[in-house]
Amino acid sequence: MAGLCDPERIDAMKIRETVRLDHPPETVWPWLVEPARLMRWNERLRRCLPEQPLVAGVRYSTEFGFAGKPATPFWLEVEERIESRRLVLRYRSGPGVTPPVEALERFELVEAGKGGCTLRHQVTIRAEGVPCWARMLIAVISRLGKPSGPHPLIALLAEERN
């Protein structure tokens, strides 16, 4: 974690996860691009307007809630969308958010045999002016803090199948 408190360092952090799903990319895709479904498995996403599938050229108004805090507004734009393969989203903090935050979220679906796929999910977050203690805490959590239990998308896809 050397350099985390270096004021010259770019304040960026990456959070990555890989999930094996027993469903083809075409079945998983709607869970990434339809706001109502996305909010069912990403419990931090509290609002996404307009309530239409995520497409390029539309600016979405979103709110995220973290650790019991009031929801934080973000603007969302689709940077790249390759049907059933890749989705890249850019978030920019809304008015009044200090320090300003920008995030790039990338979803990739890769066929994995036997009708399944692998979801590769990466979020890169930049926030200038984040205090040293907060960067250190985030670095530790993103490296060591994995949620317990299966990914929520696994249960939702199984429920939908039945």
N, C-alpha and C. Protein backbone atom coordinates (compact mmCIF):
# COMPACT_ATOMS: atom_id res chain seq x y z
N MET A 1 0.81 -1.19 0.00
CA MET A 1 0.00 0.00 0.00
C MET A 1 0.86 1.26 0.00
N ALA A 2 2.12 1.08 -0.29
CA ALA A 2 3.01 2.23 -0.35
C ALA A 2 2.52 3.19 -1.42
N GLY A 3 2.62 4.45 -1.14
CA GLY A 3 2.24 5.45 -2.11
C GLY A 3 0.79 5.87 -2.04
N LEU A 4 -0.03 5.20 -1.22
CA LEU A 4 -1.44 5.55 -1.14
C LEU A 4 -1.65 6.97 -0.64
N CYS A 5 -0.74 7.46 0.19
CA CYS A 5 -0.90 8.80 0.76
C CYS A 5 -0.04 9.83 0.06
N ASP A 6 0.58 9.46 -1.02
CA ASP A 6 1.40 10.38 -1.81
C ASP A 6 0.46 11.36 -2.50
N PRO A 7 0.57 12.66 -2.22
CA PRO A 7 -0.35 13.63 -2.82
C PRO A 7 -0.24 13.73 -4.33
N GLU A 8 0.88 13.26 -4.89
CA GLU A 8 1.05 13.30 -6.35
C GLU A 8 0.39 12.09 -7.03
N ARG A 9 0.02 11.10 -6.23
CA ARG A 9 -0.56 9.87 -6.78
C ARG A 9 -1.97 10.13 -7.29
N ILE A 10 -2.32 9.52 -8.41
CA ILE A 10 -3.68 9.62 -8.92
C ILE A 10 -4.58 8.84 -7.98
N ASP A 11 -5.65 9.48 -7.53
CA ASP A 11 -6.57 8.85 -6.58
C ASP A 11 -7.53 7.94 -7.33
N ALA A 12 -7.08 6.74 -7.66
CA ALA A 12 -7.93 5.78 -8.37
C ALA A 12 -7.87 4.44 -7.65
N MET A 13 -8.99 3.76 -7.63
CA MET A 13 -9.01 2.42 -7.08
C MET A 13 -9.81 1.53 -8.02
N LYS A 14 -9.44 0.25 -8.06
CA LYS A 14 -10.14 -0.71 -8.91
C LYS A 14 -10.69 -1.82 -8.05
N ILE A 15 -11.93 -2.16 -8.33
CA ILE A 15 -12.58 -3.28 -7.66
C ILE A 15 -12.97 -4.25 -8.76
N ARG A 16 -12.55 -5.50 -8.61
CA ARG A 16 -12.81 -6.51 -9.64
C ARG A 16 -13.51 -7.72 -9.04
N GLU A 17 -14.36 -8.33 -9.84
CA GLU A 17 -14.95 -9.61 -9.45
C GLU A 17 -15.21 -10.43 -10.70
N THR A 18 -15.12 -11.72 -10.55
CA THR A 18 -15.42 -12.65 -11.63
C THR A 18 -16.42 -13.66 -11.08
N VAL A 19 -17.51 -13.86 -11.82
CA VAL A 19 -18.58 -14.75 -11.37
C VAL A 19 -18.91 -15.74 -12.47
N ARG A 20 -18.92 -17.02 -12.15
CA ARG A 20 -19.33 -18.07 -13.11
C ARG A 20 -20.83 -18.24 -12.98
N LEU A 21 -21.53 -18.13 -14.10
CA LEU A 21 -22.99 -18.23 -14.12
C LEU A 21 -23.41 -19.40 -15.00
N ASP A 22 -24.42 -20.13 -14.59
CA ASP A 22 -24.91 -21.29 -15.35
C ASP A 22 -25.98 -20.88 -16.36
N HIS A 23 -25.77 -19.75 -17.00
CA HIS A 23 -26.71 -19.22 -17.98
C HIS A 23 -25.91 -18.61 -19.12
N PRO A 24 -26.45 -18.64 -20.32
CA PRO A 24 -25.73 -18.05 -21.46
C PRO A 24 -25.74 -16.52 -21.37
N PRO A 25 -24.80 -15.87 -22.06
CA PRO A 25 -24.74 -14.40 -22.04
C PRO A 25 -26.08 -13.73 -22.38
N GLU A 26 -26.82 -14.29 -23.31
CA GLU A 26 -28.10 -13.68 -23.73
C GLU A 26 -29.11 -13.63 -22.58
N THR A 27 -29.03 -14.58 -21.66
CA THR A 27 -29.94 -14.60 -20.50
C THR A 27 -29.47 -13.62 -19.42
N VAL A 28 -28.17 -13.45 -19.28
CA VAL A 28 -27.61 -12.56 -18.26
C VAL A 28 -27.72 -11.10 -18.68
N TRP A 29 -27.58 -10.83 -19.97
CA TRP A 29 -27.54 -9.46 -20.50
C TRP A 29 -28.63 -8.54 -19.97
N PRO A 30 -29.92 -8.94 -19.96
CA PRO A 30 -30.96 -8.03 -19.45
C PRO A 30 -30.73 -7.60 -18.00
N TRP A 31 -30.05 -8.43 -17.22
CA TRP A 31 -29.76 -8.10 -15.82
C TRP A 31 -28.68 -7.01 -15.70
N LEU A 32 -28.00 -6.73 -16.80
CA LEU A 32 -26.98 -5.68 -16.81
C LEU A 32 -27.52 -4.37 -17.39
N VAL A 33 -28.46 -4.45 -18.32
CA VAL A 33 -28.89 -3.25 -19.04
C VAL A 33 -30.28 -2.74 -18.68
N GLU A 34 -31.07 -3.50 -17.95
CA GLU A 34 -32.40 -3.04 -17.55
C GLU A 34 -32.32 -2.53 -16.11
N PRO A 35 -32.54 -1.22 -15.90
CA PRO A 35 -32.39 -0.65 -14.57
C PRO A 35 -33.15 -1.37 -13.45
N ALA A 36 -34.38 -1.78 -13.71
CA ALA A 36 -35.15 -2.46 -12.65
C ALA A 36 -34.47 -3.76 -12.23
N ARG A 37 -33.93 -4.50 -13.18
CA ARG A 37 -33.21 -5.75 -12.85
C ARG A 37 -31.86 -5.45 -12.22
N LEU A 38 -31.17 -4.48 -12.75
CA LEU A 38 -29.85 -4.11 -12.21
C LEU A 38 -29.96 -3.73 -10.73
N MET A 39 -31.01 -3.01 -10.36
CA MET A 39 -31.21 -2.60 -8.97
C MET A 39 -31.53 -3.79 -8.07
N ARG A 40 -32.05 -4.87 -8.62
CA ARG A 40 -32.37 -6.04 -7.80
C ARG A 40 -31.11 -6.76 -7.32
N TRP A 41 -30.03 -6.74 -8.11
CA TRP A 41 -28.82 -7.43 -7.66
C TRP A 41 -27.73 -6.47 -7.19
N ASN A 42 -27.79 -5.21 -7.59
CA ASN A 42 -26.84 -4.21 -7.10
C ASN A 42 -27.58 -3.34 -6.09
N GLU A 43 -27.57 -3.78 -4.85
CA GLU A 43 -28.38 -3.10 -3.82
C GLU A 43 -27.93 -1.68 -3.51
N ARG A 44 -26.75 -1.28 -3.97
CA ARG A 44 -26.31 0.10 -3.75
C ARG A 44 -27.01 1.08 -4.71
N LEU A 45 -27.43 0.57 -5.88
CA LEU A 45 -28.12 1.41 -6.86
C LEU A 45 -29.57 1.58 -6.40
N ARG A 46 -29.92 2.79 -6.03
CA ARG A 46 -31.24 3.06 -5.46
C ARG A 46 -32.23 3.62 -6.48
N ARG A 47 -31.71 4.26 -7.55
CA ARG A 47 -32.60 4.88 -8.54
C ARG A 47 -31.85 5.01 -9.85
N CYS A 48 -32.57 4.83 -10.96
CA CYS A 48 -32.00 5.03 -12.29
C CYS A 48 -33.12 5.49 -13.21
N LEU A 49 -33.03 6.74 -13.67
CA LEU A 49 -34.05 7.32 -14.54
C LEU A 49 -33.40 7.85 -15.80
N PRO A 50 -34.01 7.73 -16.95
CA PRO A 50 -35.30 7.11 -17.18
C PRO A 50 -35.22 5.59 -17.01
N GLU A 51 -36.36 4.99 -16.72
CA GLU A 51 -36.44 3.54 -16.53
C GLU A 51 -36.56 2.85 -17.88
N GLN A 52 -35.46 2.84 -18.60
CA GLN A 52 -35.40 2.18 -19.91
C GLN A 52 -34.05 1.50 -20.00
N PRO A 53 -33.91 0.50 -20.89
CA PRO A 53 -32.61 -0.17 -21.01
C PRO A 53 -31.48 0.83 -21.27
N LEU A 54 -30.31 0.52 -20.71
CA LEU A 54 -29.15 1.40 -20.85
C LEU A 54 -28.63 1.38 -22.28
N VAL A 55 -28.64 2.54 -22.91
CA VAL A 55 -28.17 2.68 -24.29
C VAL A 55 -27.32 3.94 -24.41
N ALA A 56 -26.46 3.97 -25.41
CA ALA A 56 -25.63 5.14 -25.67
C ALA A 56 -26.52 6.32 -26.07
N GLY A 57 -26.08 7.51 -25.72
CA GLY A 57 -26.79 8.72 -26.12
C GLY A 57 -27.82 9.20 -25.13
N VAL A 58 -28.06 8.45 -24.06
CA VAL A 58 -29.02 8.86 -23.04
C VAL A 58 -28.25 9.13 -21.76
N ARG A 59 -28.56 10.24 -21.11
CA ARG A 59 -27.94 10.56 -19.82
C ARG A 59 -28.93 10.13 -18.73
N TYR A 60 -28.48 9.22 -17.88
CA TYR A 60 -29.33 8.67 -16.82
C TYR A 60 -29.02 9.36 -15.50
N SER A 61 -30.04 9.59 -14.72
CA SER A 61 -29.89 10.15 -13.38
C SER A 61 -29.98 8.97 -12.41
N THR A 62 -28.93 8.78 -11.62
CA THR A 62 -28.90 7.64 -10.69
C THR A 62 -28.63 8.13 -9.27
N GLU A 63 -28.91 7.25 -8.32
CA GLU A 63 -28.55 7.49 -6.93
C GLU A 63 -28.00 6.19 -6.37
N PHE A 64 -26.89 6.32 -5.63
CA PHE A 64 -26.27 5.18 -4.96
C PHE A 64 -26.27 5.42 -3.46
N GLY A 65 -26.54 4.38 -2.71
CA GLY A 65 -26.48 4.46 -1.25
C GLY A 65 -25.34 3.60 -0.76
N PHE A 66 -24.55 4.10 0.17
CA PHE A 66 -23.39 3.39 0.71
C PHE A 66 -23.45 3.39 2.22
N ALA A 67 -23.31 2.22 2.81
CA ALA A 67 -23.14 2.07 4.27
C ALA A 67 -24.20 2.85 5.06
N GLY A 68 -25.45 2.73 4.67
CA GLY A 68 -26.53 3.37 5.41
C GLY A 68 -26.61 4.88 5.28
N LYS A 69 -25.78 5.46 4.43
CA LYS A 69 -25.78 6.92 4.24
C LYS A 69 -26.89 7.29 3.24
N PRO A 70 -27.31 8.57 3.24
CA PRO A 70 -28.29 9.00 2.24
C PRO A 70 -27.75 8.77 0.83
N ALA A 71 -28.65 8.57 -0.09
CA ALA A 71 -28.26 8.29 -1.48
C ALA A 71 -27.48 9.47 -2.07
N THR A 72 -26.48 9.12 -2.89
CA THR A 72 -25.62 10.12 -3.55
C THR A 72 -25.98 10.16 -5.04
N PRO A 73 -26.21 11.36 -5.61
CA PRO A 73 -26.58 11.44 -7.03
C PRO A 73 -25.37 11.30 -7.96
N PHE A 74 -25.58 10.57 -9.06
CA PHE A 74 -24.57 10.41 -10.10
C PHE A 74 -25.25 10.48 -11.46
N TRP A 75 -24.53 11.02 -12.44
CA TRP A 75 -24.96 10.95 -13.84
C TRP A 75 -24.33 9.71 -14.44
N LEU A 76 -25.06 9.02 -15.27
CA LEU A 76 -24.59 7.78 -15.89
C LEU A 76 -24.73 7.91 -17.40
N GLU A 77 -23.67 7.53 -18.12
CA GLU A 77 -23.71 7.47 -19.58
C GLU A 77 -23.09 6.16 -20.03
N VAL A 78 -23.63 5.60 -21.10
CA VAL A 78 -23.10 4.36 -21.67
C VAL A 78 -21.95 4.72 -22.60
N GLU A 79 -20.76 4.21 -22.30
CA GLU A 79 -19.57 4.46 -23.13
C GLU A 79 -19.48 3.46 -24.27
N GLU A 80 -19.85 2.21 -23.97
CA GLU A 80 -19.75 1.15 -24.98
C GLU A 80 -20.80 0.09 -24.68
N ARG A 81 -21.43 -0.43 -25.72
CA ARG A 81 -22.42 -1.48 -25.55
C ARG A 81 -22.32 -2.41 -26.74
N ILE A 82 -21.86 -3.63 -26.48
CA ILE A 82 -21.83 -4.69 -27.49
C ILE A 82 -22.77 -5.77 -26.98
N GLU A 83 -23.90 -5.90 -27.63
CA GLU A 83 -25.00 -6.76 -27.18
C GLU A 83 -24.53 -8.12 -26.68
N SER A 84 -24.93 -8.45 -25.46
CA SER A 84 -24.65 -9.74 -24.80
C SER A 84 -23.16 -10.02 -24.63
N ARG A 85 -22.31 -9.01 -24.75
CA ARG A 85 -20.86 -9.20 -24.62
C ARG A 85 -20.22 -8.21 -23.64
N ARG A 86 -20.39 -6.91 -23.92
CA ARG A 86 -19.67 -5.91 -23.14
C ARG A 86 -20.54 -4.68 -22.93
N LEU A 87 -20.43 -4.14 -21.71
CA LEU A 87 -21.12 -2.91 -21.36
C LEU A 87 -20.15 -2.08 -20.52
N VAL A 88 -19.93 -0.83 -20.94
CA VAL A 88 -19.04 0.07 -20.21
C VAL A 88 -19.86 1.33 -19.86
N LEU A 89 -19.90 1.63 -18.55
CA LEU A 89 -20.69 2.74 -18.05
C LEU A 89 -19.77 3.76 -17.38
N ARG A 90 -20.05 5.05 -17.59
CA ARG A 90 -19.30 6.11 -16.92
C ARG A 90 -20.25 6.86 -15.99
N TYR A 91 -19.82 6.99 -14.74
CA TYR A 91 -20.58 7.73 -13.73
C TYR A 91 -19.81 8.98 -13.35
N ARG A 92 -20.55 10.08 -13.19
CA ARG A 92 -19.96 11.33 -12.69
C ARG A 92 -20.86 11.82 -11.55
N SER A 93 -20.21 12.24 -10.47
CA SER A 93 -20.99 12.68 -9.31
C SER A 93 -21.88 13.86 -9.67
N GLY A 94 -23.02 13.88 -9.02
CA GLY A 94 -23.99 14.94 -9.26
C GLY A 94 -23.67 16.19 -8.47
N PRO A 95 -24.55 17.18 -8.53
CA PRO A 95 -24.32 18.45 -7.86
C PRO A 95 -24.20 18.27 -6.35
N GLY A 96 -23.26 19.01 -5.77
CA GLY A 96 -23.11 19.01 -4.32
C GLY A 96 -22.26 17.88 -3.77
N VAL A 97 -21.77 16.96 -4.62
CA VAL A 97 -20.95 15.85 -4.13
C VAL A 97 -19.51 16.32 -4.04
N THR A 98 -18.96 16.26 -2.82
CA THR A 98 -17.58 16.68 -2.58
C THR A 98 -16.85 15.59 -1.82
N PRO A 99 -15.67 15.17 -2.27
CA PRO A 99 -15.00 15.58 -3.49
C PRO A 99 -15.69 14.97 -4.71
N PRO A 100 -15.49 15.58 -5.90
CA PRO A 100 -16.09 15.03 -7.11
C PRO A 100 -15.59 13.61 -7.35
N VAL A 101 -16.49 12.76 -7.82
CA VAL A 101 -16.16 11.36 -8.05
C VAL A 101 -16.50 11.01 -9.49
N GLU A 102 -15.64 10.21 -10.12
CA GLU A 102 -15.91 9.67 -11.45
C GLU A 102 -15.60 8.18 -11.40
N ALA A 103 -16.45 7.38 -12.02
CA ALA A 103 -16.23 5.93 -12.03
C ALA A 103 -16.49 5.37 -13.42
N LEU A 104 -15.75 4.33 -13.74
CA LEU A 104 -15.95 3.60 -14.99
C LEU A 104 -16.27 2.16 -14.59
N GLU A 105 -17.43 1.68 -15.00
CA GLU A 105 -17.85 0.31 -14.67
C GLU A 105 -17.89 -0.50 -15.96
N ARG A 106 -17.24 -1.65 -15.92
CA ARG A 106 -17.11 -2.49 -17.11
C ARG A 106 -17.64 -3.89 -16.80
N PHE A 107 -18.58 -4.35 -17.64
CA PHE A 107 -19.10 -5.71 -17.55
C PHE A 107 -18.69 -6.44 -18.83
N GLU A 108 -18.17 -7.64 -18.69
CA GLU A 108 -17.88 -8.48 -19.85
C GLU A 108 -18.46 -9.86 -19.61
N LEU A 109 -19.18 -10.37 -20.60
CA LEU A 109 -19.73 -11.72 -20.54
C LEU A 109 -18.96 -12.59 -21.53
N VAL A 110 -18.41 -13.69 -21.02
CA VAL A 110 -17.61 -14.60 -21.84
C VAL A 110 -18.24 -15.99 -21.75
N GLU A 111 -18.54 -16.58 -22.91
CA GLU A 111 -19.10 -17.94 -22.90
C GLU A 111 -18.15 -18.88 -22.20
N ALA A 112 -18.71 -19.80 -21.39
CA ALA A 112 -17.87 -20.67 -20.57
C ALA A 112 -18.23 -22.14 -20.71
N GLY A 113 -18.87 -22.53 -21.79
CA GLY A 113 -19.19 -23.94 -22.00
C GLY A 113 -20.39 -24.39 -21.18
N LYS A 114 -20.99 -25.49 -21.61
CA LYS A 114 -22.17 -26.08 -20.95
C LYS A 114 -23.29 -25.06 -20.77
N GLY A 115 -23.40 -24.12 -21.71
CA GLY A 115 -24.49 -23.15 -21.68
C GLY A 115 -24.32 -22.04 -20.67
N GLY A 116 -23.15 -21.94 -20.06
CA GLY A 116 -22.92 -20.91 -19.05
C GLY A 116 -22.03 -19.80 -19.57
N CYS A 117 -21.72 -18.87 -18.68
CA CYS A 117 -20.81 -17.78 -19.02
C CYS A 117 -20.11 -17.28 -17.77
N THR A 118 -19.09 -16.50 -17.99
CA THR A 118 -18.37 -15.85 -16.90
C THR A 118 -18.62 -14.35 -17.01
N LEU A 119 -19.00 -13.75 -15.90
CA LEU A 119 -19.18 -12.30 -15.82
C LEU A 119 -17.91 -11.73 -15.20
N ARG A 120 -17.24 -10.87 -15.95
CA ARG A 120 -16.09 -10.12 -15.43
C ARG A 120 -16.57 -8.70 -15.19
N HIS A 121 -16.44 -8.26 -13.97
CA HIS A 121 -16.97 -6.96 -13.56
C HIS A 121 -15.84 -6.17 -12.93
N GLN A 122 -15.62 -4.96 -13.42
CA GLN A 122 -14.57 -4.10 -12.87
C GLN A 122 -15.11 -2.69 -12.72
N VAL A 123 -14.82 -2.09 -11.58
CA VAL A 123 -15.18 -0.69 -11.34
C VAL A 123 -13.89 0.06 -11.01
N THR A 124 -13.62 1.13 -11.75
CA THR A 124 -12.48 2.00 -11.48
C THR A 124 -13.05 3.33 -10.99
N ILE A 125 -12.65 3.73 -9.79
CA ILE A 125 -13.19 4.93 -9.17
C ILE A 125 -12.08 5.95 -8.98
N ARG A 126 -12.36 7.19 -9.37
CA ARG A 126 -11.43 8.30 -9.16
C ARG A 126 -12.14 9.36 -8.32
N ALA A 127 -11.45 9.78 -7.27
CA ALA A 127 -12.00 10.84 -6.42
C ALA A 127 -10.84 11.66 -5.89
N GLU A 128 -10.68 12.85 -6.43
CA GLU A 128 -9.60 13.73 -5.98
C GLU A 128 -9.93 14.25 -4.59
N GLY A 129 -8.91 14.35 -3.77
CA GLY A 129 -9.09 14.92 -2.45
C GLY A 129 -9.59 13.95 -1.39
N VAL A 130 -9.60 12.64 -1.70
CA VAL A 130 -10.02 11.66 -0.69
C VAL A 130 -8.91 11.57 0.35
N PRO A 131 -9.25 11.64 1.64
CA PRO A 131 -8.22 11.59 2.68
C PRO A 131 -7.43 10.29 2.66
N CYS A 132 -6.21 10.36 3.13
CA CYS A 132 -5.31 9.21 3.16
C CYS A 132 -5.94 8.01 3.86
N TRP A 133 -6.55 8.21 5.03
CA TRP A 133 -7.12 7.10 5.78
C TRP A 133 -8.22 6.41 4.97
N ALA A 134 -8.99 7.17 4.22
CA ALA A 134 -10.07 6.58 3.42
C ALA A 134 -9.51 5.76 2.27
N ARG A 135 -8.44 6.26 1.61
CA ARG A 135 -7.82 5.49 0.53
C ARG A 135 -7.26 4.17 1.05
N MET A 136 -6.64 4.22 2.24
CA MET A 136 -6.07 2.99 2.81
C MET A 136 -7.18 1.99 3.14
N LEU A 137 -8.27 2.46 3.72
CA LEU A 137 -9.39 1.59 4.06
C LEU A 137 -9.99 0.98 2.79
N ILE A 138 -10.19 1.78 1.78
CA ILE A 138 -10.77 1.28 0.52
C ILE A 138 -9.84 0.26 -0.12
N ALA A 139 -8.52 0.52 -0.09
CA ALA A 139 -7.55 -0.43 -0.67
C ALA A 139 -7.62 -1.77 0.04
N VAL A 140 -7.71 -1.77 1.35
CA VAL A 140 -7.79 -3.03 2.11
C VAL A 140 -9.09 -3.75 1.80
N ILE A 141 -10.19 -3.04 1.83
CA ILE A 141 -11.49 -3.67 1.57
C ILE A 141 -11.56 -4.23 0.16
N SER A 142 -11.07 -3.49 -0.82
CA SER A 142 -11.16 -3.97 -2.21
C SER A 142 -10.27 -5.17 -2.47
N ARG A 143 -9.21 -5.33 -1.67
CA ARG A 143 -8.32 -6.49 -1.84
C ARG A 143 -8.76 -7.68 -1.01
N LEU A 144 -9.28 -7.43 0.19
CA LEU A 144 -9.56 -8.51 1.12
C LEU A 144 -11.04 -8.70 1.43
N GLY A 145 -11.80 -7.66 1.30
CA GLY A 145 -13.20 -7.72 1.72
C GLY A 145 -14.11 -8.25 0.64
N LYS A 146 -14.30 -9.55 0.62
CA LYS A 146 -15.22 -10.16 -0.34
C LYS A 146 -16.53 -10.46 0.36
N PRO A 147 -17.65 -10.20 -0.28
CA PRO A 147 -18.93 -10.53 0.34
C PRO A 147 -19.03 -12.04 0.56
N SER A 148 -19.70 -12.43 1.62
CA SER A 148 -19.86 -13.86 1.86
C SER A 148 -21.07 -14.37 1.09
N GLY A 149 -21.01 -15.63 0.72
CA GLY A 149 -22.11 -16.24 0.00
C GLY A 149 -22.02 -16.02 -1.49
N PRO A 150 -22.95 -16.63 -2.21
CA PRO A 150 -22.92 -16.51 -3.68
C PRO A 150 -23.32 -15.10 -4.14
N HIS A 151 -22.89 -14.77 -5.33
CA HIS A 151 -23.25 -13.48 -5.94
C HIS A 151 -24.77 -13.42 -6.06
N PRO A 152 -25.40 -12.28 -5.74
CA PRO A 152 -26.87 -12.19 -5.80
C PRO A 152 -27.45 -12.49 -7.17
N LEU A 153 -26.69 -12.28 -8.23
CA LEU A 153 -27.17 -12.55 -9.58
C LEU A 153 -27.43 -14.04 -9.79
N ILE A 154 -26.66 -14.89 -9.13
CA ILE A 154 -26.84 -16.34 -9.27
C ILE A 154 -28.23 -16.75 -8.81
N ALA A 155 -28.67 -16.28 -7.65
CA ALA A 155 -29.99 -16.64 -7.12
C ALA A 155 -31.10 -16.05 -7.98
N LEU A 156 -30.94 -14.81 -8.45
CA LEU A 156 -31.97 -14.18 -9.27
C LEU A 156 -32.15 -14.90 -10.61
N LEU A 157 -31.05 -15.32 -11.22
CA LEU A 157 -31.14 -16.06 -12.48
C LEU A 157 -31.79 -17.42 -12.26
N ALA A 158 -31.47 -18.09 -11.16
CA ALA A 158 -32.07 -19.39 -10.85
C ALA A 158 -33.58 -19.23 -10.60
N GLU A 159 -33.95 -18.18 -9.89
CA GLU A 159 -35.37 -17.89 -9.61
C GLU A 159 -36.13 -17.64 -10.91
N GLU A 160 -35.51 -16.91 -11.81
CA GLU A 160 -36.14 -16.60 -13.09
C GLU A 160 -36.32 -17.86 -13.94
N ARG A 161 -35.38 -18.79 -13.84
CA ARG A 161 -35.44 -20.04 -14.61
C ARG A 161 -36.63 -20.90 -14.16
N ASN A 162 -36.92 -20.85 -12.85
CA ASN A 162 -37.99 -21.71 -12.29
C ASN A 162 -39.33 -21.13 -12.45
